[in-house]
Amino acid sequence: MIICVTTKDNGPEAKIDPHFGRCAYFMFVDTDSMQEHEFVKNPYAAESQGAGVKAAQYITDHGADVLISGNPGPHATSVMETAGIKIVKYPEMSAMEAVQKFLGTNDL
């Protein structure tokens, strides 16, 4: 399973960024190998319009199964729901804490 977390930074202690379409980074975690995670700078953070939809398509194209973030807008949510991506909203915490919390509270 691939989990995508919106983050404010690109380090191991990165915090969740509640702004989905304009987050600084996406952290992708492969739950098959929890040691492997990749930070990717959000290419749509500075878009004047449509950042959420473009970001939703981006994480869909990267094979995400789950998104951990703040509150994506309705258009971005629609793109992700169509792609079968589960959306999880957590308060500010570190990205890896959020991944662990999700894995601990969901049957895979």
PDB file of N, CA and C in Angstrom:
ATOM      1  N   MET A   1       0.847  -1.170   0.000  1.00  0.00           N
ATOM      2  CA  MET A   1       0.000   0.000   0.000  1.00  0.00           C
ATOM      3  C   MET A   1       0.895   1.236   0.000  1.00  0.00           C
ATOM      4  N   ILE A   2       0.488   2.239  -0.756  1.00  0.00           N
ATOM      5  CA  ILE A   2       1.211   3.503  -0.790  1.00  0.00           C
ATOM      6  C   ILE A   2       0.381   4.548  -0.045  1.00  0.00           C
ATOM      7  N   ILE A   3       0.995   5.163   0.962  1.00  0.00           N
ATOM      8  CA  ILE A   3       0.354   6.237   1.716  1.00  0.00           C
ATOM      9  C   ILE A   3       1.047   7.539   1.349  1.00  0.00           C
ATOM     10  N   CYS A   4       0.251   8.552   1.037  1.00  0.00           N
ATOM     11  CA  CYS A   4       0.771   9.884   0.751  1.00  0.00           C
ATOM     12  C   CYS A   4       0.368  10.802   1.900  1.00  0.00           C
ATOM     13  N   VAL A   5       1.349  11.548   2.417  1.00  0.00           N
ATOM     14  CA  VAL A   5       1.086  12.505   3.491  1.00  0.00           C
ATOM     15  C   VAL A   5       1.536  13.882   2.999  1.00  0.00           C
ATOM     16  N   THR A   6       0.679  14.887   3.153  1.00  0.00           N
ATOM     17  CA  THR A   6       1.096  16.248   2.816  1.00  0.00           C
ATOM     18  C   THR A   6       1.946  16.771   3.971  1.00  0.00           C
ATOM     19  N   THR A   7       3.122  17.321   3.651  1.00  0.00           N
ATOM     20  CA  THR A   7       4.039  17.757   4.700  1.00  0.00           C
ATOM     21  C   THR A   7       4.530  19.185   4.480  1.00  0.00           C
ATOM     22  N   LYS A   8       4.986  19.792   5.587  1.00  0.00           N
ATOM     23  CA  LYS A   8       5.510  21.155   5.560  1.00  0.00           C
ATOM     24  C   LYS A   8       6.992  21.198   5.226  1.00  0.00           C
ATOM     25  N   ASP A   9       7.674  20.063   5.341  1.00  0.00           N
ATOM     26  CA  ASP A   9       9.113  19.994   5.142  1.00  0.00           C
ATOM     27  C   ASP A   9       9.440  18.630   4.543  1.00  0.00           C
ATOM     28  N   ASN A  10      10.718  18.378   4.305  1.00  0.00           N
ATOM     29  CA  ASN A  10      11.089  17.109   3.672  1.00  0.00           C
ATOM     30  C   ASN A  10      12.052  16.284   4.514  1.00  0.00           C
ATOM     31  N   GLY A  11      11.946  16.396   5.822  1.00  0.00           N
ATOM     32  CA  GLY A  11      12.817  15.627   6.695  1.00  0.00           C
ATOM     33  C   GLY A  11      12.054  14.620   7.519  1.00  0.00           C
ATOM     34  N   PRO A  12      12.786  13.819   8.310  1.00  0.00           N
ATOM     35  CA  PRO A  12      12.157  12.751   9.081  1.00  0.00           C
ATOM     36  C   PRO A  12      11.145  13.240  10.123  1.00  0.00           C
ATOM     37  N   GLU A  13      11.282  14.469  10.573  1.00  0.00           N
ATOM     38  CA  GLU A  13      10.344  15.010  11.566  1.00  0.00           C
ATOM     39  C   GLU A  13       9.307  15.928  10.933  1.00  0.00           C
ATOM     40  N   ALA A  14       9.139  15.839   9.625  1.00  0.00           N
ATOM     41  CA  ALA A  14       8.197  16.708   8.907  1.00  0.00           C
ATOM     42  C   ALA A  14       6.803  16.608   9.517  1.00  0.00           C
ATOM     43  N   LYS A  15       6.157  17.732   9.632  1.00  0.00           N
ATOM     44  CA  LYS A  15       4.790  17.801  10.160  1.00  0.00           C
ATOM     45  C   LYS A  15       3.791  17.760   9.008  1.00  0.00           C
ATOM     46  N   ILE A  16       2.607  17.258   9.310  1.00  0.00           N
ATOM     47  CA  ILE A  16       1.527  17.258   8.332  1.00  0.00           C
ATOM     48  C   ILE A  16       1.217  18.697   7.948  1.00  0.00           C
ATOM     49  N   ASP A  17       1.059  18.927   6.657  1.00  0.00           N
ATOM     50  CA  ASP A  17       0.604  20.226   6.167  1.00  0.00           C
ATOM     51  C   ASP A  17      -0.893  20.103   5.908  1.00  0.00           C
ATOM     52  N   PRO A  18      -1.711  20.913   6.574  1.00  0.00           N
ATOM     53  CA  PRO A  18      -3.159  20.785   6.395  1.00  0.00           C
ATOM     54  C   PRO A  18      -3.661  21.296   5.042  1.00  0.00           C
ATOM     55  N   HIS A  19      -2.792  21.972   4.293  1.00  0.00           N
ATOM     56  CA  HIS A  19      -3.181  22.529   2.998  1.00  0.00           C
ATOM     57  C   HIS A  19      -2.847  21.524   1.895  1.00  0.00           C
ATOM     58  N   PHE A  20      -3.833  20.811   1.434  1.00  0.00           N
ATOM     59  CA  PHE A  20      -3.572  19.742   0.473  1.00  0.00           C
ATOM     60  C   PHE A  20      -2.951  20.249  -0.824  1.00  0.00           C
ATOM     61  N   GLY A  21      -3.669  21.026  -1.597  1.00  0.00           N
ATOM     62  CA  GLY A  21      -3.204  21.434  -2.920  1.00  0.00           C
ATOM     63  C   GLY A  21      -1.989  22.328  -2.905  1.00  0.00           C
ATOM     64  N   ARG A  22      -1.781  23.033  -1.802  1.00  0.00           N
ATOM     65  CA  ARG A  22      -0.658  23.961  -1.713  1.00  0.00           C
ATOM     66  C   ARG A  22       0.361  23.548  -0.644  1.00  0.00           C
ATOM     67  N   CYS A  23       0.359  22.278  -0.291  1.00  0.00           N
ATOM     68  CA  CYS A  23       1.351  21.796   0.675  1.00  0.00           C
ATOM     69  C   CYS A  23       2.751  21.935   0.081  1.00  0.00           C
ATOM     70  N   ALA A  24       3.756  21.938   0.929  1.00  0.00           N
ATOM     71  CA  ALA A  24       5.135  22.069   0.447  1.00  0.00           C
ATOM     72  C   ALA A  24       5.625  20.777  -0.203  1.00  0.00           C
ATOM     73  N   TYR A  25       5.343  19.633   0.439  1.00  0.00           N
ATOM     74  CA  TYR A  25       5.846  18.342  -0.040  1.00  0.00           C
ATOM     75  C   TYR A  25       4.778  17.272   0.087  1.00  0.00           C
ATOM     76  N   PHE A  26       4.949  16.236  -0.716  1.00  0.00           N
ATOM     77  CA  PHE A  26       4.212  14.989  -0.550  1.00  0.00           C
ATOM     78  C   PHE A  26       5.218  13.953  -0.069  1.00  0.00           C
ATOM     79  N   MET A  27       4.880  13.244   0.994  1.00  0.00           N
ATOM     80  CA  MET A  27       5.710  12.134   1.441  1.00  0.00           C
ATOM     81  C   MET A  27       4.976  10.854   1.050  1.00  0.00           C
ATOM     82  N   PHE A  28       5.637  10.021   0.264  1.00  0.00           N
ATOM     83  CA  PHE A  28       5.066   8.741  -0.142  1.00  0.00           C
ATOM     84  C   PHE A  28       5.738   7.643   0.665  1.00  0.00           C
ATOM     85  N   VAL A  29       4.936   6.800   1.302  1.00  0.00           N
ATOM     86  CA  VAL A  29       5.442   5.698   2.115  1.00  0.00           C
ATOM     87  C   VAL A  29       4.876   4.397   1.567  1.00  0.00           C
ATOM     88  N   ASP A  30       5.761   3.450   1.302  1.00  0.00           N
ATOM     89  CA  ASP A  30       5.357   2.120   0.880  1.00  0.00           C
ATOM     90  C   ASP A  30       5.278   1.266   2.141  1.00  0.00           C
ATOM     91  N   THR A  31       4.078   0.837   2.501  1.00  0.00           N
ATOM     92  CA  THR A  31       3.916   0.090   3.751  1.00  0.00           C
ATOM     93  C   THR A  31       4.525  -1.307   3.694  1.00  0.00           C
ATOM     94  N   ASP A  32       4.864  -1.783   2.503  1.00  0.00           N
ATOM     95  CA  ASP A  32       5.548  -3.077   2.398  1.00  0.00           C
ATOM     96  C   ASP A  32       6.968  -2.974   2.941  1.00  0.00           C
ATOM     97  N   SER A  33       7.533  -1.787   2.855  1.00  0.00           N
ATOM     98  CA  SER A  33       8.889  -1.538   3.354  1.00  0.00           C
ATOM     99  C   SER A  33       8.892  -0.184   4.041  1.00  0.00           C
ATOM    100  N   MET A  34       8.512  -0.151   5.299  1.00  0.00           N
ATOM    101  CA  MET A  34       8.362   1.111   6.019  1.00  0.00           C
ATOM    102  C   MET A  34       9.648   1.937   6.031  1.00  0.00           C
ATOM    103  N   GLN A  35      10.764   1.331   5.697  1.00  0.00           N
ATOM    104  CA  GLN A  35      12.021   2.066   5.661  1.00  0.00           C
ATOM    105  C   GLN A  35      12.094   2.984   4.445  1.00  0.00           C
ATOM    106  N   GLU A  36      11.308   2.691   3.433  1.00  0.00           N
ATOM    107  CA  GLU A  36      11.361   3.467   2.202  1.00  0.00           C
ATOM    108  C   GLU A  36      10.274   4.529   2.193  1.00  0.00           C
ATOM    109  N   HIS A  37      10.683   5.782   2.230  1.00  0.00           N
ATOM    110  CA  HIS A  37       9.743   6.871   2.030  1.00  0.00           C
ATOM    111  C   HIS A  37      10.433   7.947   1.204  1.00  0.00           C
ATOM    112  N   GLU A  38       9.636   8.611   0.406  1.00  0.00           N
ATOM    113  CA  GLU A  38      10.168   9.575  -0.543  1.00  0.00           C
ATOM    114  C   GLU A  38       9.434  10.896  -0.362  1.00  0.00           C
ATOM    115  N   PHE A  39      10.186  11.981  -0.298  1.00  0.00           N
ATOM    116  CA  PHE A  39       9.604  13.311  -0.264  1.00  0.00           C
ATOM    117  C   PHE A  39       9.705  13.910  -1.663  1.00  0.00           C
ATOM    118  N   VAL A  40       8.590  14.429  -2.145  1.00  0.00           N
ATOM    119  CA  VAL A  40       8.551  15.054  -3.460  1.00  0.00           C
ATOM    120  C   VAL A  40       7.984  16.460  -3.288  1.00  0.00           C
ATOM    121  N   LYS A  41       8.707  17.454  -3.782  1.00  0.00           N
ATOM    122  CA  LYS A  41       8.226  18.830  -3.727  1.00  0.00           C
ATOM    123  C   LYS A  41       6.944  18.929  -4.537  1.00  0.00           C
ATOM    124  N   ASN A  42       5.931  19.565  -3.967  1.00  0.00           N
ATOM    125  CA  ASN A  42       4.643  19.710  -4.638  1.00  0.00           C
ATOM    126  C   ASN A  42       4.798  20.656  -5.830  1.00  0.00           C
ATOM    127  N   PRO A  43       4.667  20.146  -7.048  1.00  0.00           N
ATOM    128  CA  PRO A  43       4.856  21.003  -8.215  1.00  0.00           C
ATOM    129  C   PRO A  43       3.718  21.998  -8.433  1.00  0.00           C
ATOM    130  N   TYR A  44       2.645  21.881  -7.669  1.00  0.00           N
ATOM    131  CA  TYR A  44       1.471  22.735  -7.860  1.00  0.00           C
ATOM    132  C   TYR A  44       1.249  23.722  -6.719  1.00  0.00           C
ATOM    133  N   ALA A  45       2.170  23.806  -5.787  1.00  0.00           N
ATOM    134  CA  ALA A  45       2.009  24.661  -4.606  1.00  0.00           C
ATOM    135  C   ALA A  45       1.795  26.125  -4.957  1.00  0.00           C
ATOM    136  N   ALA A  46       2.351  26.592  -6.047  1.00  0.00           N
ATOM    137  CA  ALA A  46       2.255  28.010  -6.411  1.00  0.00           C
ATOM    138  C   ALA A  46       1.229  28.275  -7.516  1.00  0.00           C
ATOM    139  N   GLU A  47       0.447  27.277  -7.876  1.00  0.00           N
ATOM    140  CA  GLU A  47      -0.563  27.471  -8.933  1.00  0.00           C
ATOM    141  C   GLU A  47      -1.577  28.527  -8.509  1.00  0.00           C
ATOM    142  N   SER A  48      -2.012  29.329  -9.456  1.00  0.00           N
ATOM    143  CA  SER A  48      -3.005  30.356  -9.130  1.00  0.00           C
ATOM    144  C   SER A  48      -4.410  29.753  -9.042  1.00  0.00           C
ATOM    145  N   GLN A  49      -4.655  28.693  -9.804  1.00  0.00           N
ATOM    146  CA  GLN A  49      -5.958  28.025  -9.768  1.00  0.00           C
ATOM    147  C   GLN A  49      -5.775  26.526  -9.981  1.00  0.00           C
ATOM    148  N   GLY A  50      -6.670  25.762  -9.399  1.00  0.00           N
ATOM    149  CA  GLY A  50      -6.697  24.329  -9.664  1.00  0.00           C
ATOM    150  C   GLY A  50      -5.608  23.501  -9.007  1.00  0.00           C
ATOM    151  N   ALA A  51      -4.956  24.052  -7.982  1.00  0.00           N
ATOM    152  CA  ALA A  51      -3.860  23.320  -7.337  1.00  0.00           C
ATOM    153  C   ALA A  51      -4.342  21.999  -6.737  1.00  0.00           C
ATOM    154  N   GLY A  52      -5.514  22.006  -6.131  1.00  0.00           N
ATOM    155  CA  GLY A  52      -6.019  20.793  -5.489  1.00  0.00           C
ATOM    156  C   GLY A  52      -6.293  19.676  -6.467  1.00  0.00           C
ATOM    157  N   VAL A  53      -6.933  19.985  -7.571  1.00  0.00           N
ATOM    158  CA  VAL A  53      -7.243  18.969  -8.577  1.00  0.00           C
ATOM    159  C   VAL A  53      -5.958  18.435  -9.201  1.00  0.00           C
ATOM    160  N   LYS A  54      -5.018  19.332  -9.520  1.00  0.00           N
ATOM    161  CA  LYS A  54      -3.756  18.900 -10.107  1.00  0.00           C
ATOM    162  C   LYS A  54      -2.963  18.042  -9.120  1.00  0.00           C
ATOM    163  N   ALA A  55      -2.967  18.427  -7.848  1.00  0.00           N
ATOM    164  CA  ALA A  55      -2.268  17.639  -6.828  1.00  0.00           C
ATOM    165  C   ALA A  55      -2.934  16.277  -6.648  1.00  0.00           C
ATOM    166  N   ALA A  56      -4.254  16.244  -6.704  1.00  0.00           N
ATOM    167  CA  ALA A  56      -4.983  14.976  -6.581  1.00  0.00           C
ATOM    168  C   ALA A  56      -4.621  14.034  -7.727  1.00  0.00           C
ATOM    169  N   GLN A  57      -4.545  14.572  -8.929  1.00  0.00           N
ATOM    170  CA  GLN A  57      -4.167  13.752 -10.074  1.00  0.00           C
ATOM    171  C   GLN A  57      -2.722  13.276  -9.934  1.00  0.00           C
ATOM    172  N   TYR A  58      -1.868  14.143  -9.409  1.00  0.00           N
ATOM    173  CA  TYR A  58      -0.454  13.818  -9.210  1.00  0.00           C
ATOM    174  C   TYR A  58      -0.290  12.629  -8.270  1.00  0.00           C
ATOM    175  N   ILE A  59      -0.970  12.665  -7.112  1.00  0.00           N
ATOM    176  CA  ILE A  59      -0.805  11.545  -6.172  1.00  0.00           C
ATOM    177  C   ILE A  59      -1.493  10.287  -6.693  1.00  0.00           C
ATOM    178  N   THR A  60      -2.546  10.456  -7.484  1.00  0.00           N
ATOM    179  CA  THR A  60      -3.177   9.308  -8.135  1.00  0.00           C
ATOM    180  C   THR A  60      -2.185   8.649  -9.089  1.00  0.00           C
ATOM    181  N   ASP A  61      -1.511   9.483  -9.892  1.00  0.00           N
ATOM    182  CA  ASP A  61      -0.529   8.966 -10.849  1.00  0.00           C
ATOM    183  C   ASP A  61       0.655   8.295 -10.161  1.00  0.00           C
ATOM    184  N   HIS A  62       0.917   8.681  -8.893  1.00  0.00           N
ATOM    185  CA  HIS A  62       2.010   8.068  -8.123  1.00  0.00           C
ATOM    186  C   HIS A  62       1.559   6.816  -7.366  1.00  0.00           C
ATOM    187  N   GLY A  63       0.340   6.380  -7.601  1.00  0.00           N
ATOM    188  CA  GLY A  63      -0.125   5.110  -7.048  1.00  0.00           C
ATOM    189  C   GLY A  63      -0.566   5.151  -5.602  1.00  0.00           C
ATOM    190  N   ALA A  64      -0.886   6.329  -5.078  1.00  0.00           N
ATOM    191  CA  ALA A  64      -1.315   6.412  -3.678  1.00  0.00           C
ATOM    192  C   ALA A  64      -2.633   5.675  -3.462  1.00  0.00           C
ATOM    193  N   ASP A  65      -2.699   4.974  -2.345  1.00  0.00           N
ATOM    194  CA  ASP A  65      -3.929   4.299  -1.935  1.00  0.00           C
ATOM    195  C   ASP A  65      -4.638   5.078  -0.839  1.00  0.00           C
ATOM    196  N   VAL A  66      -3.855   5.844  -0.066  1.00  0.00           N
ATOM    197  CA  VAL A  66      -4.358   6.599   1.080  1.00  0.00           C
ATOM    198  C   VAL A  66      -3.718   7.981   1.054  1.00  0.00           C
ATOM    199  N   LEU A  67      -4.505   9.012   1.381  1.00  0.00           N
ATOM    200  CA  LEU A  67      -3.985  10.356   1.577  1.00  0.00           C
ATOM    201  C   LEU A  67      -4.214  10.747   3.020  1.00  0.00           C
ATOM    202  N   ILE A  68      -3.157  11.214   3.684  1.00  0.00           N
ATOM    203  CA  ILE A  68      -3.287  11.786   5.024  1.00  0.00           C
ATOM    204  C   ILE A  68      -2.974  13.266   4.871  1.00  0.00           C
ATOM    205  N   SER A  69      -3.939  14.114   5.232  1.00  0.00           N
ATOM    206  CA  SER A  69      -3.800  15.549   5.014  1.00  0.00           C
ATOM    207  C   SER A  69      -4.806  16.290   5.864  1.00  0.00           C
ATOM    208  N   GLY A  70      -4.947  17.567   5.532  1.00  0.00           N
ATOM    209  CA  GLY A  70      -6.010  18.377   6.118  1.00  0.00           C
ATOM    210  C   GLY A  70      -7.281  18.110   5.332  1.00  0.00           C
ATOM    211  N   ASN A  71      -7.913  19.169   4.888  1.00  0.00           N
ATOM    212  CA  ASN A  71      -9.179  19.020   4.196  1.00  0.00           C
ATOM    213  C   ASN A  71      -9.039  19.393   2.722  1.00  0.00           C
ATOM    214  N   PRO A  72      -8.927  18.404   1.830  1.00  0.00           N
ATOM    215  CA  PRO A  72      -8.890  18.726   0.410  1.00  0.00           C
ATOM    216  C   PRO A  72     -10.247  19.313  -0.015  1.00  0.00           C
ATOM    217  N   GLY A  73     -10.229  20.162  -1.000  1.00  0.00           N
ATOM    218  CA  GLY A  73     -11.473  20.727  -1.500  1.00  0.00           C
ATOM    219  C   GLY A  73     -12.337  19.686  -2.192  1.00  0.00           C
ATOM    220  N   PRO A  74     -13.559  20.071  -2.524  1.00  0.00           N
ATOM    221  CA  PRO A  74     -14.498  19.108  -3.109  1.00  0.00           C
ATOM    222  C   PRO A  74     -14.058  18.552  -4.466  1.00  0.00           C
ATOM    223  N   HIS A  75     -13.422  19.370  -5.292  1.00  0.00           N
ATOM    224  CA  HIS A  75     -12.993  18.883  -6.604  1.00  0.00           C
ATOM    225  C   HIS A  75     -11.847  17.876  -6.468  1.00  0.00           C
ATOM    226  N   ALA A  76     -10.891  18.189  -5.591  1.00  0.00           N
ATOM    227  CA  ALA A  76      -9.775  17.265  -5.349  1.00  0.00           C
ATOM    228  C   ALA A  76     -10.295  15.970  -4.723  1.00  0.00           C
ATOM    229  N   THR A  77     -11.224  16.099  -3.791  1.00  0.00           N
ATOM    230  CA  THR A  77     -11.817  14.921  -3.152  1.00  0.00           C
ATOM    231  C   THR A  77     -12.499  14.041  -4.191  1.00  0.00           C
ATOM    232  N   SER A  78     -13.201  14.651  -5.116  1.00  0.00           N
ATOM    233  CA  SER A  78     -13.884  13.895  -6.166  1.00  0.00           C
ATOM    234  C   SER A  78     -12.889  13.106  -7.014  1.00  0.00           C
ATOM    235  N   VAL A  79     -11.769  13.733  -7.382  1.00  0.00           N
ATOM    236  CA  VAL A  79     -10.734  13.046  -8.172  1.00  0.00           C
ATOM    237  C   VAL A  79     -10.205  11.842  -7.409  1.00  0.00           C
ATOM    238  N   MET A  80      -9.920  12.043  -6.119  1.00  0.00           N
ATOM    239  CA  MET A  80      -9.351  10.945  -5.323  1.00  0.00           C
ATOM    240  C   MET A  80     -10.367   9.846  -5.061  1.00  0.00           C
ATOM    241  N   GLU A  81     -11.612  10.210  -4.793  1.00  0.00           N
ATOM    242  CA  GLU A  81     -12.640   9.191  -4.576  1.00  0.00           C
ATOM    243  C   GLU A  81     -12.846   8.351  -5.837  1.00  0.00           C
ATOM    244  N   THR A  82     -12.837   8.997  -6.998  1.00  0.00           N
ATOM    245  CA  THR A  82     -12.972   8.276  -8.264  1.00  0.00           C
ATOM    246  C   THR A  82     -11.824   7.289  -8.450  1.00  0.00           C
ATOM    247  N   ALA A  83     -10.633   7.687  -7.997  1.00  0.00           N
ATOM    248  CA  ALA A  83      -9.442   6.829  -8.115  1.00  0.00           C
ATOM    249  C   ALA A  83      -9.371   5.787  -6.998  1.00  0.00           C
ATOM    250  N   GLY A  84     -10.290   5.839  -6.037  1.00  0.00           N
ATOM    251  CA  GLY A  84     -10.298   4.868  -4.942  1.00  0.00           C
ATOM    252  C   GLY A  84      -9.318   5.186  -3.824  1.00  0.00           C
ATOM    253  N   ILE A  85      -8.878   6.429  -3.729  1.00  0.00           N
ATOM    254  CA  ILE A  85      -7.945   6.826  -2.667  1.00  0.00           C
ATOM    255  C   ILE A  85      -8.737   7.171  -1.416  1.00  0.00           C
ATOM    256  N   LYS A  86      -8.358   6.550  -0.315  1.00  0.00           N
ATOM    257  CA  LYS A  86      -8.990   6.827   0.976  1.00  0.00           C
ATOM    258  C   LYS A  86      -8.388   8.117   1.527  1.00  0.00           C
ATOM    259  N   ILE A  87      -9.219   9.030   2.014  1.00  0.00           N
ATOM    260  CA  ILE A  87      -8.769  10.302   2.568  1.00  0.00           C
ATOM    261  C   ILE A  87      -8.907  10.258   4.077  1.00  0.00           C
ATOM    262  N   VAL A  88      -7.792  10.537   4.773  1.00  0.00           N
ATOM    263  CA  VAL A  88      -7.760  10.515   6.228  1.00  0.00           C
ATOM    264  C   VAL A  88      -7.314  11.897   6.707  1.00  0.00           C
ATOM    265  N   LYS A  89      -8.055  12.470   7.637  1.00  0.00           N
ATOM    266  CA  LYS A  89      -7.735  13.799   8.159  1.00  0.00           C
ATOM    267  C   LYS A  89      -7.251  13.661   9.594  1.00  0.00           C
ATOM    268  N   TYR A  90      -6.015  14.106   9.842  1.00  0.00           N
ATOM    269  CA  TYR A  90      -5.450  14.088  11.183  1.00  0.00           C
ATOM    270  C   TYR A  90      -5.028  15.495  11.562  1.00  0.00           C
ATOM    271  N   PRO A  91      -5.019  15.800  12.859  1.00  0.00           N
ATOM    272  CA  PRO A  91      -4.504  17.093  13.302  1.00  0.00           C
ATOM    273  C   PRO A  91      -2.988  17.137  13.106  1.00  0.00           C
ATOM    274  N   GLU A  92      -2.399  18.293  13.348  1.00  0.00           N
ATOM    275  CA  GLU A  92      -0.955  18.414  13.149  1.00  0.00           C
ATOM    276  C   GLU A  92      -0.192  17.448  14.049  1.00  0.00           C
ATOM    277  N   MET A  93       0.655  16.675  13.415  1.00  0.00           N
ATOM    278  CA  MET A  93       1.570  15.741  14.069  1.00  0.00           C
ATOM    279  C   MET A  93       2.631  15.433  13.037  1.00  0.00           C
ATOM    280  N   SER A  94       3.643  14.674  13.409  1.00  0.00           N
ATOM    281  CA  SER A  94       4.648  14.347  12.399  1.00  0.00           C
ATOM    282  C   SER A  94       4.032  13.389  11.382  1.00  0.00           C
ATOM    283  N   ALA A  95       4.554  13.445  10.174  1.00  0.00           N
ATOM    284  CA  ALA A  95       4.031  12.608   9.096  1.00  0.00           C
ATOM    285  C   ALA A  95       4.166  11.124   9.436  1.00  0.00           C
ATOM    286  N   MET A  96       5.309  10.734   9.988  1.00  0.00           N
ATOM    287  CA  MET A  96       5.494   9.309  10.316  1.00  0.00           C
ATOM    288  C   MET A  96       4.581   8.886  11.470  1.00  0.00           C
ATOM    289  N   GLU A  97       4.324   9.779  12.428  1.00  0.00           N
ATOM    290  CA  GLU A  97       3.350   9.463  13.485  1.00  0.00           C
ATOM    291  C   GLU A  97       1.971   9.226  12.868  1.00  0.00           C
ATOM    292  N   ALA A  98       1.617  10.037  11.894  1.00  0.00           N
ATOM    293  CA  ALA A  98       0.323   9.894  11.227  1.00  0.00           C
ATOM    294  C   ALA A  98       0.227   8.558  10.497  1.00  0.00           C
ATOM    295  N   VAL A  99       1.304   8.164   9.832  1.00  0.00           N
ATOM    296  CA  VAL A  99       1.317   6.873   9.139  1.00  0.00           C
ATOM    297  C   VAL A  99       1.146   5.746  10.154  1.00  0.00           C
ATOM    298  N   GLN A 100       1.894   5.804  11.247  1.00  0.00           N
ATOM    299  CA  GLN A 100       1.790   4.772  12.288  1.00  0.00           C
ATOM    300  C   GLN A 100       0.381   4.741  12.889  1.00  0.00           C
ATOM    301  N   LYS A 101      -0.188   5.904  13.133  1.00  0.00           N
ATOM    302  CA  LYS A 101      -1.547   5.964  13.679  1.00  0.00           C
ATOM    303  C   LYS A 101      -2.530   5.324  12.705  1.00  0.00           C
ATOM    304  N   PHE A 102      -2.419   5.650  11.427  1.00  0.00           N
ATOM    305  CA  PHE A 102      -3.313   5.071  10.431  1.00  0.00           C
ATOM    306  C   PHE A 102      -3.167   3.555  10.394  1.00  0.00           C
ATOM    307  N   LEU A 103      -1.942   3.088  10.366  1.00  0.00           N
ATOM    308  CA  LEU A 103      -1.713   1.638  10.290  1.00  0.00           C
ATOM    309  C   LEU A 103      -2.192   0.930  11.550  1.00  0.00           C
ATOM    310  N   GLY A 104      -2.130   1.602  12.690  1.00  0.00           N
ATOM    311  CA  GLY A 104      -2.564   1.007  13.941  1.00  0.00           C
ATOM    312  C   GLY A 104      -4.072   0.992  14.123  1.00  0.00           C
ATOM    313  N   THR A 105      -4.775   1.818  13.364  1.00  0.00           N
ATOM    314  CA  THR A 105      -6.229   1.915  13.544  1.00  0.00           C
ATOM    315  C   THR A 105      -7.006   1.345  12.372  1.00  0.00           C
ATOM    316  N   ASN A 106      -6.319   0.801  11.390  1.00  0.00           N
ATOM    317  CA  ASN A 106      -7.003   0.259  10.214  1.00  0.00           C
ATOM    318  C   ASN A 106      -6.521  -1.145   9.914  1.00  0.00           C
ATOM    319  N   ASP A 107      -7.460  -1.993   9.622  1.00  0.00           N
ATOM    320  CA  ASP A 107      -7.124  -3.350   9.203  1.00  0.00           C
ATOM    321  C   ASP A 107      -6.706  -3.301   7.740  1.00  0.00           C
ATOM    322  N   LEU A 108      -5.564  -3.893   7.450  1.00  0.00           N
ATOM    323  CA  LEU A 108      -5.081  -3.869   6.064  1.00  0.00           C
ATOM    324  C   LEU A 108      -5.293  -5.210   5.412  1.00  0.00           C
TER     325      LEU A 108
END
